[in-house]
Amino acid sequence: MYKVLLVDSDHHAKERMKRMLDRHQAEFELECHAAAAAEALSMLSAQNHQLVLISMRASEEEGLRLCGRIREKSRVPIVLIGGRNEFQLARKALYYQVNDYLPDPVTPEEFSASLENVKRELDVALFSGNQADPWSEAVRQAAAVSSADIIDKVKAYVDEALHQNITLKEISHIFHFNYSYLGQKFKVQEKMTFKEYLLQQRMEKAKFLLENTDMKVYEIANEVGYTEMDWFYKKFKTYTGVSANKYRKTLNITA
């Protein structure tokens, strides 16, 4: 998950923003809430954040000044929320290279579209590994930690549910992750696709059960998630080069 810093003088804004981010499931997590510019700058210096949301409702000028101070040190994405729908404000926001300016009233559709645009930029920074830009490298490192966490959870889930029908789409819903993005993350970290990993785990467990138990082949097939025996036989032979029965016989001969 990408970490978000919210800057809003309203002390109740944090919970509202958490609900908004959860509702859109855009892979952003509200990490910190700052009530003033100085606090926000201190938080940015102390921690890695991948998105800064700045409320313009209390003071548009203070919000723009904060953008300027952030841009002196960082290229972190900035989205301005609230304020007037006025050309001069939008032009100033563009001067500070903010990623988006959402004047009141902010609709759920506008907010969601803005988050998706920022996510695409972050994804590019993550996968390009652009080391020349310190901010891009910070994004890459922070996201890599997040990636490792979610991939470990996926692998643990596979281990527990190997006897069931498992799909990455189902897992993505369970962990509230975008399906295609989770697939990308998995392939980058594990150097194989999720389907390849799932097949590997099933076949390795089948081999272990053939070697160490007296279970029937059909029982082993069920244990590793196959209800169609012909399909299990085909996959096992492709994976090992021999049938499941021959694999067990070979073990007995060499024992």
C-alpha atoms as a PDB file:
ATOM      1  CA  MET A   1       0.000   0.000   0.000  1.00  0.00           C
ATOM      2  CA  TYR A   2       1.174   3.530  -0.805  1.00  0.00           C
ATOM      3  CA  LYS A   3       1.392   5.787   2.252  1.00  0.00           C
ATOM      4  CA  VAL A   4      -0.594   9.033   2.355  1.00  0.00           C
ATOM      5  CA  LEU A   5      -0.023  12.218   4.345  1.00  0.00           C
ATOM      6  CA  LEU A   6      -3.163  14.312   4.840  1.00  0.00           C
ATOM      7  CA  VAL A   7      -2.779  18.029   5.593  1.00  0.00           C
ATOM      8  CA  ASP A   8      -6.015  19.467   6.984  1.00  0.00           C
ATOM      9  CA  SER A   9      -6.643  21.798   9.908  1.00  0.00           C
ATOM     10  CA  ASP A  10      -9.900  19.967  10.645  1.00  0.00           C
ATOM     11  CA  HIS A  11      -9.064  17.389  13.309  1.00  0.00           C
ATOM     12  CA  HIS A  12     -11.991  15.203  12.209  1.00  0.00           C
ATOM     13  CA  ALA A  13     -10.691  15.020   8.650  1.00  0.00           C
ATOM     14  CA  LYS A  14      -8.511  11.958   9.293  1.00  0.00           C
ATOM     15  CA  GLU A  15     -11.405   9.550   9.837  1.00  0.00           C
ATOM     16  CA  ARG A  16     -13.338  10.934   6.885  1.00  0.00           C
ATOM     17  CA  MET A  17     -10.341  10.525   4.607  1.00  0.00           C
ATOM     18  CA  LYS A  18      -9.722   6.974   5.857  1.00  0.00           C
ATOM     19  CA  ARG A  19     -13.275   6.074   4.885  1.00  0.00           C
ATOM     20  CA  MET A  20     -12.881   7.696   1.468  1.00  0.00           C
ATOM     21  CA  LEU A  21      -9.655   5.822   0.752  1.00  0.00           C
ATOM     22  CA  ASP A  22     -11.119   2.519   1.946  1.00  0.00           C
ATOM     23  CA  ARG A  23     -14.210   3.049  -0.189  1.00  0.00           C
ATOM     24  CA  HIS A  24     -12.179   3.480  -3.353  1.00  0.00           C
ATOM     25  CA  GLN A  25      -9.742   0.616  -2.619  1.00  0.00           C
ATOM     26  CA  ALA A  26      -7.044   2.408  -4.597  1.00  0.00           C
ATOM     27  CA  GLU A  27      -4.096   0.884  -2.711  1.00  0.00           C
ATOM     28  CA  PHE A  28      -3.510   4.001  -0.634  1.00  0.00           C
ATOM     29  CA  GLU A  29      -3.323   3.988   3.159  1.00  0.00           C
ATOM     30  CA  LEU A  30      -3.618   7.089   5.333  1.00  0.00           C
ATOM     31  CA  GLU A  31      -0.415   7.050   7.346  1.00  0.00           C
ATOM     32  CA  CYS A  32      -0.297  10.513   8.970  1.00  0.00           C
ATOM     33  CA  HIS A  33      -2.449  13.588   9.497  1.00  0.00           C
ATOM     34  CA  ALA A  34      -0.928  17.057   9.902  1.00  0.00           C
ATOM     35  CA  ALA A  35      -2.998  20.036  11.006  1.00  0.00           C
ATOM     36  CA  ALA A  36      -0.508  22.679   9.835  1.00  0.00           C
ATOM     37  CA  ALA A  37       2.224  23.217   7.239  1.00  0.00           C
ATOM     38  CA  ALA A  38       5.144  23.026   9.659  1.00  0.00           C
ATOM     39  CA  GLU A  39       3.898  19.713  11.028  1.00  0.00           C
ATOM     40  CA  ALA A  40       3.440  18.373   7.495  1.00  0.00           C
ATOM     41  CA  LEU A  41       6.985  19.320   6.464  1.00  0.00           C
ATOM     42  CA  SER A  42       8.372  17.678   9.583  1.00  0.00           C
ATOM     43  CA  MET A  43       6.473  14.458   8.833  1.00  0.00           C
ATOM     44  CA  LEU A  44       7.673  14.460   5.227  1.00  0.00           C
ATOM     45  CA  SER A  45      11.259  14.792   6.393  1.00  0.00           C
ATOM     46  CA  ALA A  46      10.934  12.032   8.969  1.00  0.00           C
ATOM     47  CA  GLN A  47       9.013   9.430   6.957  1.00  0.00           C
ATOM     48  CA  ASN A  48       8.478   8.234   3.399  1.00  0.00           C
ATOM     49  CA  HIS A  49       5.076   9.172   1.999  1.00  0.00           C
ATOM     50  CA  GLN A  50       4.003   8.482  -1.563  1.00  0.00           C
ATOM     51  CA  LEU A  51       1.109  10.961  -1.726  1.00  0.00           C
ATOM     52  CA  VAL A  52       0.286  14.267  -0.003  1.00  0.00           C
ATOM     53  CA  LEU A  53      -3.362  15.348   0.162  1.00  0.00           C
ATOM     54  CA  ILE A  54      -3.728  19.039   1.048  1.00  0.00           C
ATOM     55  CA  SER A  55      -7.067  20.532   2.015  1.00  0.00           C
ATOM     56  CA  MET A  56      -7.623  24.016   0.571  1.00  0.00           C
ATOM     57  CA  ARG A  57     -10.816  24.679   2.517  1.00  0.00           C
ATOM     58  CA  ALA A  58      -9.310  26.554   5.481  1.00  0.00           C
ATOM     59  CA  SER A  59      -6.796  28.651   3.534  1.00  0.00           C
ATOM     60  CA  GLU A  60      -6.070  28.389  -0.176  1.00  0.00           C
ATOM     61  CA  GLU A  61      -2.952  30.558   0.089  1.00  0.00           C
ATOM     62  CA  GLU A  62      -1.462  28.466   2.889  1.00  0.00           C
ATOM     63  CA  GLY A  63      -2.143  25.324   0.884  1.00  0.00           C
ATOM     64  CA  LEU A  64      -0.322  26.750  -2.135  1.00  0.00           C
ATOM     65  CA  ARG A  65       2.597  27.957  -0.018  1.00  0.00           C
ATOM     66  CA  LEU A  66       2.946  24.459   1.394  1.00  0.00           C
ATOM     67  CA  CYS A  67       3.072  23.105  -2.166  1.00  0.00           C
ATOM     68  CA  GLY A  68       5.944  25.477  -2.891  1.00  0.00           C
ATOM     69  CA  ARG A  69       7.888  24.407   0.179  1.00  0.00           C
ATOM     70  CA  ILE A  70       7.369  20.715  -0.606  1.00  0.00           C
ATOM     71  CA  ARG A  71       8.523  21.237  -4.190  1.00  0.00           C
ATOM     72  CA  GLU A  72      11.777  22.770  -2.951  1.00  0.00           C
ATOM     73  CA  LYS A  73      12.780  19.332  -1.679  1.00  0.00           C
ATOM     74  CA  SER A  74      10.548  16.666  -3.181  1.00  0.00           C
ATOM     75  CA  ARG A  75       8.682  15.443  -6.252  1.00  0.00           C
ATOM     76  CA  VAL A  76       6.172  13.513  -4.158  1.00  0.00           C
ATOM     77  CA  PRO A  77       2.689  13.595  -5.753  1.00  0.00           C
ATOM     78  CA  ILE A  78       0.389  16.302  -4.389  1.00  0.00           C
ATOM     79  CA  VAL A  79      -3.391  16.476  -4.725  1.00  0.00           C
ATOM     80  CA  LEU A  80      -5.234  19.619  -3.593  1.00  0.00           C
ATOM     81  CA  ILE A  81      -8.746  19.087  -2.271  1.00  0.00           C
ATOM     82  CA  GLY A  82     -11.468  21.698  -1.801  1.00  0.00           C
ATOM     83  CA  GLY A  83     -11.338  25.446  -2.338  1.00  0.00           C
ATOM     84  CA  ARG A  84     -12.850  27.545  -5.107  1.00  0.00           C
ATOM     85  CA  ASN A  85     -13.218  26.524  -8.714  1.00  0.00           C
ATOM     86  CA  GLU A  86     -11.197  29.488  -9.924  1.00  0.00           C
ATOM     87  CA  PHE A  87      -8.783  29.725 -12.843  1.00  0.00           C
ATOM     88  CA  GLN A  88      -6.109  31.691 -10.941  1.00  0.00           C
ATOM     89  CA  LEU A  89      -5.957  29.093  -8.191  1.00  0.00           C
ATOM     90  CA  ALA A  90      -5.702  26.287 -10.694  1.00  0.00           C
ATOM     91  CA  ARG A  91      -2.914  28.146 -12.518  1.00  0.00           C
ATOM     92  CA  LYS A  92      -0.940  28.583  -9.295  1.00  0.00           C
ATOM     93  CA  ALA A  93      -1.419  24.915  -8.508  1.00  0.00           C
ATOM     94  CA  LEU A  94      -0.009  24.030 -11.933  1.00  0.00           C
ATOM     95  CA  TYR A  95       2.983  26.263 -11.251  1.00  0.00           C
ATOM     96  CA  TYR A  96       3.826  24.080  -8.247  1.00  0.00           C
ATOM     97  CA  GLN A  97       3.374  20.969 -10.408  1.00  0.00           C
ATOM     98  CA  VAL A  98       0.637  19.442  -8.305  1.00  0.00           C
ATOM     99  CA  ASN A  99      -0.832  16.247  -9.678  1.00  0.00           C
ATOM    100  CA  ASP A 100      -4.450  17.346  -9.352  1.00  0.00           C
ATOM    101  CA  TYR A 101      -6.672  20.127  -8.044  1.00  0.00           C
ATOM    102  CA  LEU A 102     -10.175  19.081  -6.967  1.00  0.00           C
ATOM    103  CA  PRO A 103     -12.252  22.149  -6.064  1.00  0.00           C
ATOM    104  CA  ASP A 104     -15.493  21.860  -4.073  1.00  0.00           C
ATOM    105  CA  PRO A 105     -17.773  20.044  -4.427  1.00  0.00           C
ATOM    106  CA  VAL A 106     -15.478  17.024  -4.798  1.00  0.00           C
ATOM    107  CA  THR A 107     -17.418  14.079  -6.226  1.00  0.00           C
ATOM    108  CA  PRO A 108     -16.500  10.439  -5.429  1.00  0.00           C
ATOM    109  CA  GLU A 109     -15.877   9.862  -9.138  1.00  0.00           C
ATOM    110  CA  GLU A 110     -13.404  12.764  -9.350  1.00  0.00           C
ATOM    111  CA  PHE A 111     -11.577  11.633  -6.222  1.00  0.00           C
ATOM    112  CA  SER A 112     -11.349   8.049  -7.452  1.00  0.00           C
ATOM    113  CA  ALA A 113     -10.077   9.101 -10.894  1.00  0.00           C
ATOM    114  CA  SER A 114      -7.449  11.337  -9.270  1.00  0.00           C
ATOM    115  CA  LEU A 115      -6.186   8.490  -7.076  1.00  0.00           C
ATOM    116  CA  GLU A 116      -5.958   6.173 -10.075  1.00  0.00           C
ATOM    117  CA  ASN A 117      -3.870   8.732 -11.986  1.00  0.00           C
ATOM    118  CA  VAL A 118      -1.484   9.111  -9.062  1.00  0.00           C
ATOM    119  CA  LYS A 119      -1.263   5.346  -8.653  1.00  0.00           C
ATOM    120  CA  ARG A 120      -0.220   4.956 -12.265  1.00  0.00           C
ATOM    121  CA  GLU A 121       2.590   7.473 -11.749  1.00  0.00           C
ATOM    122  CA  LEU A 122       3.728   5.678  -8.606  1.00  0.00           C
ATOM    123  CA  ASP A 123       3.619   2.326 -10.376  1.00  0.00           C
ATOM    124  CA  VAL A 124       5.878   3.680 -13.124  1.00  0.00           C
ATOM    125  CA  ALA A 125       8.337   4.990 -10.532  1.00  0.00           C
ATOM    126  CA  LEU A 126       8.260   1.644  -8.730  1.00  0.00           C
ATOM    127  CA  PHE A 127       8.882  -0.569 -11.726  1.00  0.00           C
ATOM    128  CA  SER A 128      11.263   1.707 -13.607  1.00  0.00           C
ATOM    129  CA  GLY A 129      13.670   1.843 -10.646  1.00  0.00           C
ATOM    130  CA  ASN A 130      14.723   5.370 -11.607  1.00  0.00           C
ATOM    131  CA  GLN A 131      17.670   5.872  -9.259  1.00  0.00           C
ATOM    132  CA  ALA A 132      18.479   9.355 -10.529  1.00  0.00           C
ATOM    133  CA  ASP A 133      15.498  10.826  -8.735  1.00  0.00           C
ATOM    134  CA  PRO A 134      15.773  10.478  -4.922  1.00  0.00           C
ATOM    135  CA  TRP A 135      12.001  10.634  -4.553  1.00  0.00           C
ATOM    136  CA  SER A 136      11.494   7.835  -7.109  1.00  0.00           C
ATOM    137  CA  GLU A 137      14.015   5.700  -5.240  1.00  0.00           C
ATOM    138  CA  ALA A 138      12.209   6.390  -1.948  1.00  0.00           C
ATOM    139  CA  VAL A 139       8.945   5.318  -3.576  1.00  0.00           C
ATOM    140  CA  ARG A 140      10.597   2.178  -4.924  1.00  0.00           C
ATOM    141  CA  GLN A 141      12.067   1.208  -1.560  1.00  0.00           C
ATOM    142  CA  ALA A 142       8.904   1.929   0.415  1.00  0.00           C
ATOM    143  CA  ALA A 143       6.702   0.110  -2.067  1.00  0.00           C
ATOM    144  CA  ALA A 144       9.100  -2.822  -2.173  1.00  0.00           C
ATOM    145  CA  VAL A 145       8.608  -3.332   1.571  1.00  0.00           C
ATOM    146  CA  SER A 146       4.859  -3.198   1.066  1.00  0.00           C
ATOM    147  CA  SER A 147       5.165  -5.651  -1.850  1.00  0.00           C
ATOM    148  CA  ALA A 148       7.138  -8.122   0.237  1.00  0.00           C
ATOM    149  CA  ASP A 149       4.477  -7.983   2.965  1.00  0.00           C
ATOM    150  CA  ILE A 150       1.560  -8.683   0.637  1.00  0.00           C
ATOM    151  CA  ILE A 151       3.404 -11.406  -1.276  1.00  0.00           C
ATOM    152  CA  ASP A 152       4.252 -13.159   1.990  1.00  0.00           C
ATOM    153  CA  LYS A 153       0.541 -13.067   2.859  1.00  0.00           C
ATOM    154  CA  VAL A 154      -0.366 -14.502  -0.546  1.00  0.00           C
ATOM    155  CA  LYS A 155       2.133 -17.345  -0.132  1.00  0.00           C
ATOM    156  CA  ALA A 156       0.884 -18.092   3.374  1.00  0.00           C
ATOM    157  CA  TYR A 157      -2.684 -18.210   2.075  1.00  0.00           C
ATOM    158  CA  VAL A 158      -1.664 -20.629  -0.698  1.00  0.00           C
ATOM    159  CA  ASP A 159       0.055 -22.873   1.840  1.00  0.00           C
ATOM    160  CA  GLU A 160      -3.066 -23.015   4.028  1.00  0.00           C
ATOM    161  CA  ALA A 161      -5.582 -23.428   1.194  1.00  0.00           C
ATOM    162  CA  LEU A 162      -3.642 -25.664  -1.198  1.00  0.00           C
ATOM    163  CA  HIS A 163      -6.421 -28.280  -1.113  1.00  0.00           C
ATOM    164  CA  GLN A 164      -8.964 -25.730  -2.363  1.00  0.00           C
ATOM    165  CA  ASN A 165      -9.627 -24.081  -5.707  1.00  0.00           C
ATOM    166  CA  ILE A 166      -7.321 -21.036  -5.504  1.00  0.00           C
ATOM    167  CA  THR A 167      -7.213 -18.083  -7.883  1.00  0.00           C
ATOM    168  CA  LEU A 168      -5.243 -14.870  -7.677  1.00  0.00           C
ATOM    169  CA  LYS A 169      -8.435 -12.931  -8.349  1.00  0.00           C
ATOM    170  CA  GLU A 170     -10.037 -14.403  -5.244  1.00  0.00           C
ATOM    171  CA  ILE A 171      -6.930 -13.654  -3.167  1.00  0.00           C
ATOM    172  CA  SER A 172      -6.831 -10.071  -4.455  1.00  0.00           C
ATOM    173  CA  HIS A 173     -10.385  -9.578  -3.151  1.00  0.00           C
ATOM    174  CA  ILE A 174      -9.485 -11.059   0.232  1.00  0.00           C
ATOM    175  CA  PHE A 175      -6.511  -8.710   0.688  1.00  0.00           C
ATOM    176  CA  HIS A 176      -8.168  -5.710  -1.033  1.00  0.00           C
ATOM    177  CA  PHE A 177      -5.527  -5.499  -3.752  1.00  0.00           C
ATOM    178  CA  ASN A 178      -5.906  -4.765  -7.449  1.00  0.00           C
ATOM    179  CA  TYR A 179      -5.836  -8.125  -9.270  1.00  0.00           C
ATOM    180  CA  SER A 180      -3.530  -7.238 -12.173  1.00  0.00           C
ATOM    181  CA  TYR A 181      -1.231  -5.158  -9.974  1.00  0.00           C
ATOM    182  CA  LEU A 182      -0.895  -7.994  -7.458  1.00  0.00           C
ATOM    183  CA  GLY A 183       0.044 -10.302 -10.321  1.00  0.00           C
ATOM    184  CA  GLN A 184       2.775  -7.871 -11.378  1.00  0.00           C
ATOM    185  CA  LYS A 185       4.083  -7.596  -7.829  1.00  0.00           C
ATOM    186  CA  PHE A 186       4.161 -11.370  -7.452  1.00  0.00           C
ATOM    187  CA  LYS A 187       6.061 -11.918 -10.691  1.00  0.00           C
ATOM    188  CA  VAL A 188       8.632  -9.221  -9.862  1.00  0.00           C
ATOM    189  CA  GLN A 189       9.362 -10.614  -6.394  1.00  0.00           C
ATOM    190  CA  GLU A 190       9.126 -14.360  -7.030  1.00  0.00           C
ATOM    191  CA  LYS A 191      10.540 -14.390 -10.585  1.00  0.00           C
ATOM    192  CA  MET A 192       7.567 -16.496 -11.705  1.00  0.00           C
ATOM    193  CA  THR A 193       3.856 -15.983 -12.267  1.00  0.00           C
ATOM    194  CA  PHE A 194       1.312 -16.812  -9.581  1.00  0.00           C
ATOM    195  CA  LYS A 195       0.060 -19.768 -11.655  1.00  0.00           C
ATOM    196  CA  GLU A 196       3.587 -21.141 -11.958  1.00  0.00           C
ATOM    197  CA  TYR A 197       4.094 -20.759  -8.195  1.00  0.00           C
ATOM    198  CA  LEU A 198       0.766 -22.430  -7.411  1.00  0.00           C
ATOM    199  CA  LEU A 199       1.594 -25.379  -9.683  1.00  0.00           C
ATOM    200  CA  GLN A 200       5.046 -25.687  -8.099  1.00  0.00           C
ATOM    201  CA  GLN A 201       3.604 -25.785  -4.586  1.00  0.00           C
ATOM    202  CA  ARG A 202       0.969 -28.354  -5.539  1.00  0.00           C
ATOM    203  CA  MET A 203       3.419 -30.641  -7.311  1.00  0.00           C
ATOM    204  CA  GLU A 204       6.049 -30.413  -4.567  1.00  0.00           C
ATOM    205  CA  LYS A 205       3.463 -31.285  -1.925  1.00  0.00           C
ATOM    206  CA  ALA A 206       2.222 -34.169  -4.072  1.00  0.00           C
ATOM    207  CA  LYS A 207       5.787 -35.476  -4.365  1.00  0.00           C
ATOM    208  CA  PHE A 208       6.233 -35.180  -0.589  1.00  0.00           C
ATOM    209  CA  LEU A 209       3.011 -37.119   0.080  1.00  0.00           C
ATOM    210  CA  LEU A 210       3.968 -39.821  -2.438  1.00  0.00           C
ATOM    211  CA  GLU A 211       7.358 -40.169  -0.767  1.00  0.00           C
ATOM    212  CA  ASN A 212       6.286 -40.054   2.872  1.00  0.00           C
ATOM    213  CA  THR A 213       2.722 -41.401   3.174  1.00  0.00           C
ATOM    214  CA  ASP A 214       0.630 -44.410   2.101  1.00  0.00           C
ATOM    215  CA  MET A 215      -2.159 -42.182   0.779  1.00  0.00           C
ATOM    216  CA  LYS A 216      -3.820 -43.258  -2.452  1.00  0.00           C
ATOM    217  CA  VAL A 217      -2.990 -41.179  -5.510  1.00  0.00           C
ATOM    218  CA  TYR A 218      -6.571 -39.869  -5.733  1.00  0.00           C
ATOM    219  CA  GLU A 219      -6.367 -38.799  -2.067  1.00  0.00           C
ATOM    220  CA  ILE A 220      -3.136 -36.940  -2.759  1.00  0.00           C
ATOM    221  CA  ALA A 221      -4.708 -35.267  -5.795  1.00  0.00           C
ATOM    222  CA  ASN A 222      -7.573 -34.005  -3.613  1.00  0.00           C
ATOM    223  CA  GLU A 223      -5.120 -32.896  -0.944  1.00  0.00           C
ATOM    224  CA  VAL A 224      -3.338 -30.614  -3.421  1.00  0.00           C
ATOM    225  CA  GLY A 225      -6.469 -29.139  -4.978  1.00  0.00           C
ATOM    226  CA  TYR A 226      -7.306 -31.431  -7.911  1.00  0.00           C
ATOM    227  CA  THR A 227     -10.780 -32.951  -8.228  1.00  0.00           C
ATOM    228  CA  GLU A 228     -10.196 -34.149 -11.795  1.00  0.00           C
ATOM    229  CA  MET A 229      -7.789 -37.085 -11.680  1.00  0.00           C
ATOM    230  CA  ASP A 230      -6.908 -36.906 -15.374  1.00  0.00           C
ATOM    231  CA  TRP A 231      -5.856 -33.295 -14.904  1.00  0.00           C
ATOM    232  CA  PHE A 232      -3.724 -34.151 -11.888  1.00  0.00           C
ATOM    233  CA  TYR A 233      -2.016 -37.017 -13.755  1.00  0.00           C
ATOM    234  CA  LYS A 234      -1.283 -34.737 -16.713  1.00  0.00           C
ATOM    235  CA  LYS A 235       0.138 -31.920 -14.562  1.00  0.00           C
ATOM    236  CA  PHE A 236       2.228 -34.289 -12.429  1.00  0.00           C
ATOM    237  CA  LYS A 237       3.770 -36.036 -15.433  1.00  0.00           C
ATOM    238  CA  THR A 238       4.526 -32.720 -17.124  1.00  0.00           C
ATOM    239  CA  TYR A 239       6.153 -31.440 -13.927  1.00  0.00           C
ATOM    240  CA  THR A 240       8.217 -34.536 -13.010  1.00  0.00           C
ATOM    241  CA  GLY A 241       8.543 -36.431 -16.285  1.00  0.00           C
ATOM    242  CA  VAL A 242       6.857 -39.554 -14.895  1.00  0.00           C
ATOM    243  CA  SER A 243       3.403 -40.580 -13.720  1.00  0.00           C
ATOM    244  CA  ALA A 244       2.500 -40.391 -10.031  1.00  0.00           C
ATOM    245  CA  ASN A 245       2.360 -44.207  -9.756  1.00  0.00           C
ATOM    246  CA  LYS A 246       5.733 -44.640 -11.448  1.00  0.00           C
ATOM    247  CA  TYR A 247       7.214 -41.911  -9.245  1.00  0.00           C
ATOM    248  CA  ARG A 248       6.198 -43.847  -6.131  1.00  0.00           C
ATOM    249  CA  LYS A 249       7.375 -47.180  -7.547  1.00  0.00           C
ATOM    250  CA  THR A 250      10.746 -45.698  -8.389  1.00  0.00           C
ATOM    251  CA  LEU A 251      11.095 -44.535  -4.804  1.00  0.00           C
ATOM    252  CA  ASN A 252      10.256 -48.010  -3.491  1.00  0.00           C
ATOM    253  CA  ILE A 253      12.826 -49.614  -5.808  1.00  0.00           C
ATOM    254  CA  THR A 254      15.633 -47.279  -4.772  1.00  0.00           C
ATOM    255  CA  ALA A 255      14.759 -47.382  -1.065  1.00  0.00           C
END
